[in-house]
Amino acid sequence: MSDQLDPKLARQGRITALVIAGAAILSIFAPVIVTALGLPARFEILLLLFALAAFIWSLVVAFRIWQKSRDK
């Protein structure tokens, strides 16, 4: 196994980290956003579902990165 990480895998890892951070911020601030905009509660649930989808996507991508780095 090489010490240097493939640049493509490193880029995917950075994107995944940004998506995780964005989803976390969205899930924390979803109630604040909905209240500030005066939207019904169902929009808060919609924002939380978007955050959940981002977390699931990140988990899948992180698993793929792990599998690719393990094969080398």
PDB file of N, CA and C in Angstrom:
ATOM      1  N   MET A   1       0.844  -1.176   0.000  1.00  0.00           N
ATOM      2  CA  MET A   1       0.000   0.000   0.000  1.00  0.00           C
ATOM      3  C   MET A   1       0.888   1.237   0.000  1.00  0.00           C
ATOM      4  N   SER A   2       0.570   2.171  -0.862  1.00  0.00           N
ATOM      5  CA  SER A   2       1.390   3.368  -0.972  1.00  0.00           C
ATOM      6  C   SER A   2       1.040   4.369   0.123  1.00  0.00           C
ATOM      7  N   ASP A   3       2.043   5.167   0.480  1.00  0.00           N
ATOM      8  CA  ASP A   3       1.834   6.183   1.503  1.00  0.00           C
ATOM      9  C   ASP A   3       1.073   7.391   0.960  1.00  0.00           C
ATOM     10  N   GLN A   4       1.179   7.587  -0.351  1.00  0.00           N
ATOM     11  CA  GLN A   4       0.547   8.756  -0.947  1.00  0.00           C
ATOM     12  C   GLN A   4      -0.861   8.382  -1.417  1.00  0.00           C
ATOM     13  N   LEU A   5      -1.823   9.174  -0.994  1.00  0.00           N
ATOM     14  CA  LEU A   5      -3.215   8.944  -1.358  1.00  0.00           C
ATOM     15  C   LEU A   5      -3.460   9.428  -2.778  1.00  0.00           C
ATOM     16  N   ASP A   6      -4.207   8.651  -3.522  1.00  0.00           N
ATOM     17  CA  ASP A   6      -4.574   9.020  -4.881  1.00  0.00           C
ATOM     18  C   ASP A   6      -5.297  10.373  -4.851  1.00  0.00           C
ATOM     19  N   PRO A   7      -4.908  11.318  -5.723  1.00  0.00           N
ATOM     20  CA  PRO A   7      -5.553  12.648  -5.700  1.00  0.00           C
ATOM     21  C   PRO A   7      -7.064  12.580  -5.926  1.00  0.00           C
ATOM     22  N   LYS A   8      -7.513  11.648  -6.715  1.00  0.00           N
ATOM     23  CA  LYS A   8      -8.952  11.517  -6.962  1.00  0.00           C
ATOM     24  C   LYS A   8      -9.675  11.082  -5.685  1.00  0.00           C
ATOM     25  N   LEU A   9      -9.094  10.145  -4.959  1.00  0.00           N
ATOM     26  CA  LEU A   9      -9.690   9.716  -3.696  1.00  0.00           C
ATOM     27  C   LEU A   9      -9.650  10.832  -2.658  1.00  0.00           C
ATOM     28  N   ALA A  10      -8.564  11.590  -2.662  1.00  0.00           N
ATOM     29  CA  ALA A  10      -8.453  12.709  -1.722  1.00  0.00           C
ATOM     30  C   ALA A  10      -9.519  13.760  -2.007  1.00  0.00           C
ATOM     31  N   ARG A  11      -9.761  14.028  -3.287  1.00  0.00           N
ATOM     32  CA  ARG A  11     -10.788  15.000  -3.666  1.00  0.00           C
ATOM     33  C   ARG A  11     -12.169  14.512  -3.251  1.00  0.00           C
ATOM     34  N   GLN A  12     -12.445  13.224  -3.468  1.00  0.00           N
ATOM     35  CA  GLN A  12     -13.729  12.665  -3.055  1.00  0.00           C
ATOM     36  C   GLN A  12     -13.896  12.751  -1.543  1.00  0.00           C
ATOM     37  N   GLY A  13     -12.807  12.530  -0.820  1.00  0.00           N
ATOM     38  CA  GLY A  13     -12.859  12.630   0.638  1.00  0.00           C
ATOM     39  C   GLY A  13     -13.163  14.042   1.106  1.00  0.00           C
ATOM     40  N   ARG A  14     -12.565  15.029   0.447  1.00  0.00           N
ATOM     41  CA  ARG A  14     -12.842  16.423   0.812  1.00  0.00           C
ATOM     42  C   ARG A  14     -14.284  16.796   0.508  1.00  0.00           C
ATOM     43  N   ILE A  15     -14.788  16.360  -0.631  1.00  0.00           N
ATOM     44  CA  ILE A  15     -16.187  16.646  -0.974  1.00  0.00           C
ATOM     45  C   ILE A  15     -17.123  15.994   0.032  1.00  0.00           C
ATOM     46  N   THR A  16     -16.817  14.759   0.401  1.00  0.00           N
ATOM     47  CA  THR A  16     -17.636  14.054   1.383  1.00  0.00           C
ATOM     48  C   THR A  16     -17.626  14.784   2.725  1.00  0.00           C
ATOM     49  N   ALA A  17     -16.468  15.254   3.128  1.00  0.00           N
ATOM     50  CA  ALA A  17     -16.374  15.985   4.392  1.00  0.00           C
ATOM     51  C   ALA A  17     -17.197  17.270   4.350  1.00  0.00           C
ATOM     52  N   LEU A  18     -17.165  17.965   3.230  1.00  0.00           N
ATOM     53  CA  LEU A  18     -17.957  19.191   3.098  1.00  0.00           C
ATOM     54  C   LEU A  18     -19.459  18.898   3.115  1.00  0.00           C
ATOM     55  N   VAL A  19     -19.860  17.799   2.489  1.00  0.00           N
ATOM     56  CA  VAL A  19     -21.278  17.432   2.499  1.00  0.00           C
ATOM     57  C   VAL A  19     -21.726  17.076   3.906  1.00  0.00           C
ATOM     58  N   ILE A  20     -20.886  16.351   4.652  1.00  0.00           N
ATOM     59  CA  ILE A  20     -21.223  16.004   6.032  1.00  0.00           C
ATOM     60  C   ILE A  20     -21.359  17.272   6.877  1.00  0.00           C
ATOM     61  N   ALA A  21     -20.420  18.193   6.712  1.00  0.00           N
ATOM     62  CA  ALA A  21     -20.481  19.446   7.475  1.00  0.00           C
ATOM     63  C   ALA A  21     -21.719  20.263   7.104  1.00  0.00           C
ATOM     64  N   GLY A  22     -22.020  20.337   5.808  1.00  0.00           N
ATOM     65  CA  GLY A  22     -23.203  21.070   5.373  1.00  0.00           C
ATOM     66  C   GLY A  22     -24.492  20.445   5.877  1.00  0.00           C
ATOM     67  N   ALA A  23     -24.560  19.116   5.853  1.00  0.00           N
ATOM     68  CA  ALA A  23     -25.759  18.430   6.344  1.00  0.00           C
ATOM     69  C   ALA A  23     -25.928  18.630   7.844  1.00  0.00           C
ATOM     70  N   ALA A  24     -24.821  18.629   8.565  1.00  0.00           N
ATOM     71  CA  ALA A  24     -24.897  18.846  10.009  1.00  0.00           C
ATOM     72  C   ALA A  24     -25.396  20.261  10.319  1.00  0.00           C
ATOM     73  N   ILE A  25     -24.867  21.233   9.592  1.00  0.00           N
ATOM     74  CA  ILE A  25     -25.303  22.614   9.798  1.00  0.00           C
ATOM     75  C   ILE A  25     -26.781  22.770   9.429  1.00  0.00           C
ATOM     76  N   LEU A  26     -27.184  22.144   8.327  1.00  0.00           N
ATOM     77  CA  LEU A  26     -28.581  22.210   7.921  1.00  0.00           C
ATOM     78  C   LEU A  26     -29.498  21.574   8.954  1.00  0.00           C
ATOM     79  N   SER A  27     -29.088  20.433   9.499  1.00  0.00           N
ATOM     80  CA  SER A  27     -29.947  19.772  10.487  1.00  0.00           C
ATOM     81  C   SER A  27     -30.023  20.553  11.794  1.00  0.00           C
ATOM     82  N   ILE A  28     -28.965  21.271  12.128  1.00  0.00           N
ATOM     83  CA  ILE A  28     -28.986  22.074  13.347  1.00  0.00           C
ATOM     84  C   ILE A  28     -29.839  23.332  13.161  1.00  0.00           C
ATOM     85  N   PHE A  29     -29.680  23.971  12.004  1.00  0.00           N
ATOM     86  CA  PHE A  29     -30.361  25.247  11.783  1.00  0.00           C
ATOM     87  C   PHE A  29     -31.700  25.140  11.059  1.00  0.00           C
ATOM     88  N   ALA A  30     -32.173  23.947  10.767  1.00  0.00           N
ATOM     89  CA  ALA A  30     -33.465  23.787  10.088  1.00  0.00           C
ATOM     90  C   ALA A  30     -34.606  24.455  10.866  1.00  0.00           C
ATOM     91  N   PRO A  31     -34.710  24.235  12.188  1.00  0.00           N
ATOM     92  CA  PRO A  31     -35.799  24.916  12.913  1.00  0.00           C
ATOM     93  C   PRO A  31     -35.686  26.442  12.879  1.00  0.00           C
ATOM     94  N   VAL A  32     -34.472  26.940  12.931  1.00  0.00           N
ATOM     95  CA  VAL A  32     -34.261  28.387  12.915  1.00  0.00           C
ATOM     96  C   VAL A  32     -34.652  28.961  11.553  1.00  0.00           C
ATOM     97  N   ILE A  33     -34.263  28.267  10.490  1.00  0.00           N
ATOM     98  CA  ILE A  33     -34.574  28.728   9.134  1.00  0.00           C
ATOM     99  C   ILE A  33     -36.086  28.767   8.915  1.00  0.00           C
ATOM    100  N   VAL A  34     -36.750  27.690   9.327  1.00  0.00           N
ATOM    101  CA  VAL A  34     -38.202  27.611   9.119  1.00  0.00           C
ATOM    102  C   VAL A  34     -38.923  28.681   9.928  1.00  0.00           C
ATOM    103  N   THR A  35     -38.496  28.886  11.155  1.00  0.00           N
ATOM    104  CA  THR A  35     -39.128  29.910  11.997  1.00  0.00           C
ATOM    105  C   THR A  35     -38.884  31.316  11.440  1.00  0.00           C
ATOM    106  N   ALA A  36     -37.657  31.563  10.994  1.00  0.00           N
ATOM    107  CA  ALA A  36     -37.324  32.896  10.478  1.00  0.00           C
ATOM    108  C   ALA A  36     -38.094  33.218   9.202  1.00  0.00           C
ATOM    109  N   LEU A  37     -38.332  32.208   8.381  1.00  0.00           N
ATOM    110  CA  LEU A  37     -39.057  32.435   7.131  1.00  0.00           C
ATOM    111  C   LEU A  37     -40.561  32.317   7.297  1.00  0.00           C
ATOM    112  N   GLY A  38     -41.006  31.882   8.483  1.00  0.00           N
ATOM    113  CA  GLY A  38     -42.428  31.751   8.742  1.00  0.00           C
ATOM    114  C   GLY A  38     -43.092  30.618   7.975  1.00  0.00           C
ATOM    115  N   LEU A  39     -42.339  29.558   7.722  1.00  0.00           N
ATOM    116  CA  LEU A  39     -42.861  28.425   6.963  1.00  0.00           C
ATOM    117  C   LEU A  39     -43.546  27.420   7.882  1.00  0.00           C
ATOM    118  N   PRO A  40     -44.419  26.592   7.336  1.00  0.00           N
ATOM    119  CA  PRO A  40     -45.036  25.536   8.152  1.00  0.00           C
ATOM    120  C   PRO A  40     -43.996  24.498   8.587  1.00  0.00           C
ATOM    121  N   ALA A  41     -44.356  23.715   9.585  1.00  0.00           N
ATOM    122  CA  ALA A  41     -43.427  22.731  10.157  1.00  0.00           C
ATOM    123  C   ALA A  41     -43.032  21.655   9.155  1.00  0.00           C
ATOM    124  N   ARG A  42     -43.858  21.405   8.156  1.00  0.00           N
ATOM    125  CA  ARG A  42     -43.524  20.362   7.187  1.00  0.00           C
ATOM    126  C   ARG A  42     -42.266  20.710   6.395  1.00  0.00           C
ATOM    127  N   PHE A  43     -41.951  22.001   6.268  1.00  0.00           N
ATOM    128  CA  PHE A  43     -40.722  22.392   5.581  1.00  0.00           C
ATOM    129  C   PHE A  43     -39.490  22.085   6.435  1.00  0.00           C
ATOM    130  N   GLU A  44     -39.659  22.122   7.739  1.00  0.00           N
ATOM    131  CA  GLU A  44     -38.556  21.719   8.617  1.00  0.00           C
ATOM    132  C   GLU A  44     -38.257  20.233   8.420  1.00  0.00           C
ATOM    133  N   ILE A  45     -39.300  19.444   8.338  1.00  0.00           N
ATOM    134  CA  ILE A  45     -39.107  18.006   8.104  1.00  0.00           C
ATOM    135  C   ILE A  45     -38.457  17.785   6.744  1.00  0.00           C
ATOM    136  N   LEU A  46     -38.851  18.569   5.743  1.00  0.00           N
ATOM    137  CA  LEU A  46     -38.246  18.454   4.425  1.00  0.00           C
ATOM    138  C   LEU A  46     -36.749  18.767   4.469  1.00  0.00           C
ATOM    139  N   LEU A  47     -36.378  19.819   5.187  1.00  0.00           N
ATOM    140  CA  LEU A  47     -34.959  20.157   5.324  1.00  0.00           C
ATOM    141  C   LEU A  47     -34.197  19.049   6.050  1.00  0.00           C
ATOM    142  N   LEU A  48     -34.824  18.482   7.070  1.00  0.00           N
ATOM    143  CA  LEU A  48     -34.179  17.386   7.796  1.00  0.00           C
ATOM    144  C   LEU A  48     -34.043  16.145   6.920  1.00  0.00           C
ATOM    145  N   LEU A  49     -34.996  15.905   6.045  1.00  0.00           N
ATOM    146  CA  LEU A  49     -34.875  14.780   5.114  1.00  0.00           C
ATOM    147  C   LEU A  49     -33.760  15.011   4.098  1.00  0.00           C
ATOM    148  N   PHE A  50     -33.594  16.264   3.667  1.00  0.00           N
ATOM    149  CA  PHE A  50     -32.457  16.586   2.795  1.00  0.00           C
ATOM    150  C   PHE A  50     -31.135  16.314   3.517  1.00  0.00           C
ATOM    151  N   ALA A  51     -31.056  16.697   4.775  1.00  0.00           N
ATOM    152  CA  ALA A  51     -29.846  16.454   5.545  1.00  0.00           C
ATOM    153  C   ALA A  51     -29.608  14.951   5.721  1.00  0.00           C
ATOM    154  N   LEU A  52     -30.663  14.198   5.965  1.00  0.00           N
ATOM    155  CA  LEU A  52     -30.539  12.750   6.104  1.00  0.00           C
ATOM    156  C   LEU A  52     -30.050  12.122   4.802  1.00  0.00           C
ATOM    157  N   ALA A  53     -30.584  12.584   3.678  1.00  0.00           N
ATOM    158  CA  ALA A  53     -30.132  12.075   2.380  1.00  0.00           C
ATOM    159  C   ALA A  53     -28.652  12.387   2.164  1.00  0.00           C
ATOM    160  N   ALA A  54     -28.216  13.556   2.581  1.00  0.00           N
ATOM    161  CA  ALA A  54     -26.796  13.919   2.445  1.00  0.00           C
ATOM    162  C   ALA A  54     -25.925  13.031   3.330  1.00  0.00           C
ATOM    163  N   PHE A  55     -26.382  12.725   4.539  1.00  0.00           N
ATOM    164  CA  PHE A  55     -25.627  11.834   5.413  1.00  0.00           C
ATOM    165  C   PHE A  55     -25.527  10.431   4.819  1.00  0.00           C
ATOM    166  N   ILE A  56     -26.609   9.937   4.262  1.00  0.00           N
ATOM    167  CA  ILE A  56     -26.589   8.601   3.654  1.00  0.00           C
ATOM    168  C   ILE A  56     -25.673   8.588   2.439  1.00  0.00           C
ATOM    169  N   TRP A  57     -25.748   9.623   1.605  1.00  0.00           N
ATOM    170  CA  TRP A  57     -24.862   9.714   0.452  1.00  0.00           C
ATOM    171  C   TRP A  57     -23.397   9.725   0.903  1.00  0.00           C
ATOM    172  N   SER A  58     -23.107  10.482   1.943  1.00  0.00           N
ATOM    173  CA  SER A  58     -21.742  10.562   2.452  1.00  0.00           C
ATOM    174  C   SER A  58     -21.259   9.220   2.974  1.00  0.00           C
ATOM    175  N   LEU A  59     -22.136   8.488   3.623  1.00  0.00           N
ATOM    176  CA  LEU A  59     -21.770   7.168   4.126  1.00  0.00           C
ATOM    177  C   LEU A  59     -21.424   6.233   2.976  1.00  0.00           C
ATOM    178  N   VAL A  60     -22.206   6.266   1.916  1.00  0.00           N
ATOM    179  CA  VAL A  60     -21.941   5.411   0.754  1.00  0.00           C
ATOM    180  C   VAL A  60     -20.619   5.794   0.097  1.00  0.00           C
ATOM    181  N   VAL A  61     -20.395   7.083  -0.095  1.00  0.00           N
ATOM    182  CA  VAL A  61     -19.158   7.533  -0.732  1.00  0.00           C
ATOM    183  C   VAL A  61     -17.948   7.216   0.147  1.00  0.00           C
ATOM    184  N   ALA A  62     -18.070   7.410   1.443  1.00  0.00           N
ATOM    185  CA  ALA A  62     -16.958   7.090   2.344  1.00  0.00           C
ATOM    186  C   ALA A  62     -16.650   5.594   2.312  1.00  0.00           C
ATOM    187  N   PHE A  63     -17.667   4.772   2.222  1.00  0.00           N
ATOM    188  CA  PHE A  63     -17.449   3.328   2.125  1.00  0.00           C
ATOM    189  C   PHE A  63     -16.730   2.979   0.826  1.00  0.00           C
ATOM    190  N   ARG A  64     -17.121   3.627  -0.271  1.00  0.00           N
ATOM    191  CA  ARG A  64     -16.445   3.378  -1.548  1.00  0.00           C
ATOM    192  C   ARG A  64     -14.985   3.825  -1.503  1.00  0.00           C
ATOM    193  N   ILE A  65     -14.720   4.979  -0.884  1.00  0.00           N
ATOM    194  CA  ILE A  65     -13.340   5.450  -0.751  1.00  0.00           C
ATOM    195  C   ILE A  65     -12.534   4.447   0.070  1.00  0.00           C
ATOM    196  N   TRP A  66     -13.118   3.967   1.146  1.00  0.00           N
ATOM    197  CA  TRP A  66     -12.424   2.999   1.988  1.00  0.00           C
ATOM    198  C   TRP A  66     -12.120   1.723   1.208  1.00  0.00           C
ATOM    199  N   GLN A  67     -13.078   1.257   0.417  1.00  0.00           N
ATOM    200  CA  GLN A  67     -12.871   0.047  -0.362  1.00  0.00           C
ATOM    201  C   GLN A  67     -11.766   0.253  -1.409  1.00  0.00           C
ATOM    202  N   LYS A  68     -11.755   1.402  -2.084  1.00  0.00           N
ATOM    203  CA  LYS A  68     -10.731   1.667  -3.086  1.00  0.00           C
ATOM    204  C   LYS A  68      -9.351   1.784  -2.465  1.00  0.00           C
ATOM    205  N   SER A  69      -9.267   2.417  -1.318  1.00  0.00           N
ATOM    206  CA  SER A  69      -7.960   2.579  -0.676  1.00  0.00           C
ATOM    207  C   SER A  69      -7.465   1.273  -0.059  1.00  0.00           C
ATOM    208  N   ARG A  70      -8.382   0.392   0.276  1.00  0.00           N
ATOM    209  CA  ARG A  70      -8.011  -0.886   0.857  1.00  0.00           C
ATOM    210  C   ARG A  70      -7.459  -1.834  -0.208  1.00  0.00           C
ATOM    211  N   ASP A  71      -7.923  -1.707  -1.449  1.00  0.00           N
ATOM    212  CA  ASP A  71      -7.479  -2.583  -2.522  1.00  0.00           C
ATOM    213  C   ASP A  71      -6.050  -2.311  -2.962  1.00  0.00           C
ATOM    214  N   LYS A  72      -5.584  -1.091  -2.726  1.00  0.00           N
ATOM    215  CA  LYS A  72      -4.234  -0.732  -3.200  1.00  0.00           C
ATOM    216  C   LYS A  72      -3.152  -1.230  -2.307  1.00  0.00           C
TER     217      LYS A  72
END
